[in-house]
Structure formats: C-alpha cells, structure tokens
Amino acid sequence: MSRAFPDFHFTVGDVIAEGDKVVGRWTLIGTHGGEYKGIPATNKKVKMWGIEIFRVVGDKFVEGWVRSDRLDMMQQQGIIPAPKERAQ
C-alpha cells in the first residue's frame, strides 16, 4: 500500500465491539503514485472507505470480512468511467 500510495493517510472512524465481534470503519486518502494491483500510477488523489468485521475467540482474530469501495476509487482515478449524472 505504501508504494502505491506513498503519502497515504489512514483514519479509523469507529471501532465497535459486542459479543465475539469487532467492527471497524476506516478511510484512506492518498495519491496513487505507484502500481496498485497491476494498475500503473495515475498521480491522482483518491479517497476510499472500508468496513471490517472480525470474530474474536479468546485473544485471537479467527475470522474476518472486509468491504471497501474500490469501484469509487477507480472512478476517481479515471480507470473506470463514473456514471453520467442524470439531467434534472
């Protein structure tokens, strides 16, 4: 991640724990300055968000699920066209 987004800033928005689950919400902001998953640098600033859920047993994370908005990030970079706005 640090090679692809050398100036990235990672912010944790919320962490909530209940029972055997821990949920975290985060935001990443950075400039796409290096290759990311085979995509060459675009030098564009991007913002991406994600939510992670982990199941904890004892003091160990044993399962996890992650969702992040990579489609929006790719649209910000111009890799995938953004949908056209509808006329009002």
N, C-alpha and C. Protein backbone atom coordinates (compact mmCIF):
# COMPACT_ATOMS: atom_id res chain seq x y z
N MET A 1 0.83 -1.19 0.00
CA MET A 1 0.00 0.00 0.00
C MET A 1 0.87 1.25 0.00
N SER A 2 1.96 1.25 0.77
CA SER A 2 2.77 2.47 0.87
C SER A 2 3.51 2.76 -0.43
N ARG A 3 3.79 1.75 -1.25
CA ARG A 3 4.41 2.01 -2.56
C ARG A 3 3.40 2.58 -3.55
N ALA A 4 2.18 2.09 -3.49
CA ALA A 4 1.14 2.55 -4.41
C ALA A 4 0.62 3.93 -4.04
N PHE A 5 0.54 4.20 -2.74
CA PHE A 5 0.03 5.47 -2.23
C PHE A 5 1.04 6.01 -1.20
N PRO A 6 2.17 6.53 -1.66
CA PRO A 6 3.26 6.88 -0.74
C PRO A 6 2.91 7.92 0.31
N ASP A 7 1.91 8.74 0.05
CA ASP A 7 1.53 9.78 1.03
C ASP A 7 0.22 9.42 1.75
N PHE A 8 -0.15 8.12 1.76
CA PHE A 8 -1.46 7.75 2.28
C PHE A 8 -1.62 8.11 3.75
N HIS A 9 -2.87 8.46 4.09
CA HIS A 9 -3.25 8.75 5.47
C HIS A 9 -4.45 7.88 5.78
N PHE A 10 -4.33 7.07 6.82
CA PHE A 10 -5.35 6.11 7.21
C PHE A 10 -6.01 6.59 8.49
N THR A 11 -7.34 6.74 8.47
CA THR A 11 -8.07 7.21 9.63
C THR A 11 -9.10 6.17 10.05
N VAL A 12 -9.11 5.82 11.33
CA VAL A 12 -10.12 4.91 11.86
C VAL A 12 -11.27 5.76 12.37
N GLY A 13 -12.46 5.53 11.83
CA GLY A 13 -13.62 6.32 12.20
C GLY A 13 -14.33 5.78 13.43
N ASP A 14 -14.56 4.49 13.47
CA ASP A 14 -15.27 3.86 14.58
C ASP A 14 -14.71 2.47 14.81
N VAL A 15 -14.70 2.04 16.04
CA VAL A 15 -14.44 0.65 16.41
C VAL A 15 -15.50 0.28 17.44
N ILE A 16 -16.26 -0.77 17.12
CA ILE A 16 -17.35 -1.19 18.00
C ILE A 16 -17.17 -2.68 18.28
N ALA A 17 -17.25 -3.05 19.54
CA ALA A 17 -17.12 -4.45 19.93
C ALA A 17 -18.36 -4.88 20.70
N GLU A 18 -18.89 -6.04 20.33
CA GLU A 18 -20.03 -6.61 21.05
C GLU A 18 -19.99 -8.12 20.89
N GLY A 19 -20.08 -8.81 22.00
CA GLY A 19 -20.01 -10.28 21.94
C GLY A 19 -18.65 -10.70 21.40
N ASP A 20 -18.67 -11.56 20.39
CA ASP A 20 -17.41 -12.03 19.80
C ASP A 20 -17.04 -11.30 18.51
N LYS A 21 -17.69 -10.15 18.24
CA LYS A 21 -17.43 -9.40 17.01
C LYS A 21 -16.82 -8.02 17.31
N VAL A 22 -15.91 -7.61 16.44
CA VAL A 22 -15.33 -6.27 16.46
C VAL A 22 -15.52 -5.69 15.07
N VAL A 23 -16.07 -4.48 14.98
CA VAL A 23 -16.31 -3.82 13.70
C VAL A 23 -15.51 -2.53 13.66
N GLY A 24 -14.86 -2.28 12.54
CA GLY A 24 -14.11 -1.04 12.36
C GLY A 24 -14.48 -0.38 11.05
N ARG A 25 -14.57 0.94 11.07
CA ARG A 25 -14.83 1.74 9.85
C ARG A 25 -13.62 2.63 9.65
N TRP A 26 -13.12 2.70 8.42
CA TRP A 26 -11.91 3.47 8.15
C TRP A 26 -11.99 4.23 6.83
N THR A 27 -11.10 5.20 6.68
CA THR A 27 -10.96 5.98 5.45
C THR A 27 -9.48 6.07 5.11
N LEU A 28 -9.17 5.94 3.84
CA LEU A 28 -7.81 6.10 3.35
C LEU A 28 -7.80 7.22 2.32
N ILE A 29 -6.88 8.15 2.45
CA ILE A 29 -6.72 9.23 1.48
C ILE A 29 -5.26 9.22 1.06
N GLY A 30 -5.00 9.33 -0.24
CA GLY A 30 -3.62 9.35 -0.71
C GLY A 30 -3.55 9.59 -2.21
N THR A 31 -2.34 9.75 -2.69
CA THR A 31 -2.08 9.96 -4.11
C THR A 31 -1.59 8.65 -4.71
N HIS A 32 -2.20 8.23 -5.81
CA HIS A 32 -1.82 6.98 -6.46
C HIS A 32 -0.51 7.20 -7.22
N GLY A 33 0.60 7.00 -6.51
CA GLY A 33 1.92 7.31 -7.06
C GLY A 33 2.73 6.10 -7.48
N GLY A 34 2.19 4.90 -7.34
CA GLY A 34 2.89 3.68 -7.74
C GLY A 34 1.88 2.63 -8.16
N GLU A 35 2.38 1.53 -8.72
CA GLU A 35 1.49 0.47 -9.20
C GLU A 35 0.64 -0.08 -8.07
N TYR A 36 -0.66 -0.29 -8.34
CA TYR A 36 -1.59 -0.86 -7.37
C TYR A 36 -2.40 -1.94 -8.06
N LYS A 37 -2.17 -3.19 -7.65
CA LYS A 37 -2.88 -4.34 -8.21
C LYS A 37 -2.81 -4.35 -9.74
N GLY A 38 -1.62 -4.07 -10.26
CA GLY A 38 -1.39 -4.10 -11.70
C GLY A 38 -1.76 -2.82 -12.42
N ILE A 39 -2.28 -1.83 -11.72
CA ILE A 39 -2.69 -0.56 -12.33
C ILE A 39 -1.55 0.44 -12.16
N PRO A 40 -1.00 0.95 -13.26
CA PRO A 40 0.09 1.93 -13.14
C PRO A 40 -0.38 3.21 -12.45
N ALA A 41 0.57 3.92 -11.87
CA ALA A 41 0.27 5.16 -11.15
C ALA A 41 -0.49 6.15 -12.03
N THR A 42 -1.51 6.79 -11.43
CA THR A 42 -2.26 7.83 -12.13
C THR A 42 -1.90 9.21 -11.58
N ASN A 43 -1.22 9.25 -10.43
CA ASN A 43 -0.87 10.50 -9.74
C ASN A 43 -2.09 11.33 -9.35
N LYS A 44 -3.23 10.66 -9.19
CA LYS A 44 -4.45 11.33 -8.75
C LYS A 44 -4.69 11.06 -7.28
N LYS A 45 -5.23 12.05 -6.59
CA LYS A 45 -5.60 11.93 -5.19
C LYS A 45 -6.90 11.13 -5.10
N VAL A 46 -6.95 10.17 -4.19
CA VAL A 46 -8.14 9.34 -4.04
C VAL A 46 -8.53 9.25 -2.57
N LYS A 47 -9.80 8.94 -2.36
CA LYS A 47 -10.33 8.70 -1.02
C LYS A 47 -11.14 7.41 -1.10
N MET A 48 -10.85 6.50 -0.18
CA MET A 48 -11.54 5.22 -0.17
C MET A 48 -11.97 4.91 1.26
N TRP A 49 -13.11 4.27 1.42
CA TRP A 49 -13.60 3.89 2.74
C TRP A 49 -13.75 2.38 2.80
N GLY A 50 -13.78 1.87 4.03
CA GLY A 50 -13.99 0.44 4.21
C GLY A 50 -14.57 0.14 5.58
N ILE A 51 -15.13 -1.05 5.68
CA ILE A 51 -15.67 -1.55 6.94
C ILE A 51 -15.16 -2.98 7.10
N GLU A 52 -14.68 -3.31 8.30
CA GLU A 52 -14.18 -4.64 8.57
C GLU A 52 -14.88 -5.20 9.80
N ILE A 53 -15.19 -6.48 9.73
CA ILE A 53 -15.81 -7.18 10.85
C ILE A 53 -14.93 -8.38 11.17
N PHE A 54 -14.60 -8.53 12.44
CA PHE A 54 -13.77 -9.65 12.87
C PHE A 54 -14.49 -10.43 13.96
N ARG A 55 -14.31 -11.75 13.93
CA ARG A 55 -14.79 -12.61 15.02
C ARG A 55 -13.59 -12.96 15.87
N VAL A 56 -13.76 -12.80 17.18
CA VAL A 56 -12.67 -13.00 18.12
C VAL A 56 -12.98 -14.19 19.02
N VAL A 57 -11.99 -15.06 19.19
CA VAL A 57 -12.10 -16.18 20.14
C VAL A 57 -10.90 -16.07 21.06
N GLY A 58 -11.16 -15.93 22.34
CA GLY A 58 -10.07 -15.70 23.29
C GLY A 58 -9.44 -14.35 22.99
N ASP A 59 -8.17 -14.36 22.67
CA ASP A 59 -7.49 -13.11 22.32
C ASP A 59 -7.03 -13.10 20.87
N LYS A 60 -7.69 -13.93 20.01
CA LYS A 60 -7.27 -14.04 18.62
C LYS A 60 -8.41 -13.74 17.64
N PHE A 61 -8.06 -13.03 16.55
CA PHE A 61 -8.99 -12.87 15.44
C PHE A 61 -9.01 -14.19 14.68
N VAL A 62 -10.18 -14.82 14.56
CA VAL A 62 -10.26 -16.12 13.90
C VAL A 62 -10.98 -16.07 12.55
N GLU A 63 -11.71 -15.00 12.31
CA GLU A 63 -12.44 -14.83 11.05
C GLU A 63 -12.55 -13.35 10.79
N GLY A 64 -12.67 -12.99 9.51
CA GLY A 64 -12.85 -11.59 9.20
C GLY A 64 -13.48 -11.37 7.85
N TRP A 65 -14.16 -10.24 7.73
CA TRP A 65 -14.80 -9.84 6.49
C TRP A 65 -14.50 -8.38 6.25
N VAL A 66 -14.16 -8.05 5.01
CA VAL A 66 -13.79 -6.67 4.68
C VAL A 66 -14.58 -6.22 3.47
N ARG A 67 -15.09 -5.00 3.51
CA ARG A 67 -15.74 -4.38 2.37
C ARG A 67 -15.16 -2.98 2.21
N SER A 68 -14.74 -2.67 0.99
CA SER A 68 -14.23 -1.33 0.71
C SER A 68 -14.75 -0.88 -0.65
N ASP A 69 -14.80 0.41 -0.86
CA ASP A 69 -15.37 0.96 -2.09
C ASP A 69 -14.27 1.19 -3.13
N ARG A 70 -13.77 0.11 -3.71
CA ARG A 70 -12.71 0.20 -4.72
C ARG A 70 -13.25 0.71 -6.05
N LEU A 71 -14.52 0.47 -6.35
CA LEU A 71 -15.10 0.98 -7.58
C LEU A 71 -15.01 2.50 -7.61
N ASP A 72 -15.42 3.15 -6.51
CA ASP A 72 -15.36 4.61 -6.44
C ASP A 72 -13.91 5.08 -6.57
N MET A 73 -12.97 4.37 -5.93
CA MET A 73 -11.56 4.74 -6.02
C MET A 73 -11.09 4.68 -7.48
N MET A 74 -11.48 3.64 -8.21
CA MET A 74 -11.07 3.51 -9.60
C MET A 74 -11.73 4.57 -10.48
N GLN A 75 -12.95 4.98 -10.13
CA GLN A 75 -13.59 6.07 -10.86
C GLN A 75 -12.88 7.38 -10.58
N GLN A 76 -12.42 7.62 -9.36
CA GLN A 76 -11.68 8.83 -9.04
C GLN A 76 -10.38 8.91 -9.83
N GLN A 77 -9.79 7.76 -10.14
CA GLN A 77 -8.53 7.71 -10.87
C GLN A 77 -8.75 7.79 -12.39
N GLY A 78 -9.99 7.65 -12.83
CA GLY A 78 -10.28 7.67 -14.26
C GLY A 78 -10.07 6.32 -14.93
N ILE A 79 -9.86 5.27 -14.14
CA ILE A 79 -9.65 3.93 -14.69
C ILE A 79 -10.96 3.35 -15.18
N ILE A 80 -12.02 3.59 -14.44
CA ILE A 80 -13.37 3.17 -14.80
C ILE A 80 -14.21 4.44 -14.89
N PRO A 81 -14.95 4.63 -15.97
CA PRO A 81 -15.75 5.86 -16.07
C PRO A 81 -16.82 5.94 -14.99
N ALA A 82 -16.99 7.12 -14.45
CA ALA A 82 -18.06 7.38 -13.48
C ALA A 82 -19.38 7.43 -14.22
N PRO A 83 -20.48 7.05 -13.56
CA PRO A 83 -21.77 7.14 -14.24
C PRO A 83 -22.10 8.59 -14.57
N LYS A 84 -22.76 8.78 -15.69
CA LYS A 84 -23.16 10.14 -16.08
C LYS A 84 -24.28 10.60 -15.18
N GLU A 85 -24.21 11.88 -14.81
CA GLU A 85 -25.27 12.45 -13.97
C GLU A 85 -26.54 12.60 -14.78
N ARG A 86 -27.67 12.31 -14.14
CA ARG A 86 -28.95 12.47 -14.81
C ARG A 86 -29.35 13.93 -14.84
N ALA A 87 -29.94 14.33 -15.93
CA ALA A 87 -30.45 15.72 -16.04
C ALA A 87 -31.66 15.85 -15.13
N GLN A 88 -31.75 16.96 -14.45
CA GLN A 88 -32.87 17.19 -13.54
C GLN A 88 -34.01 17.87 -14.26
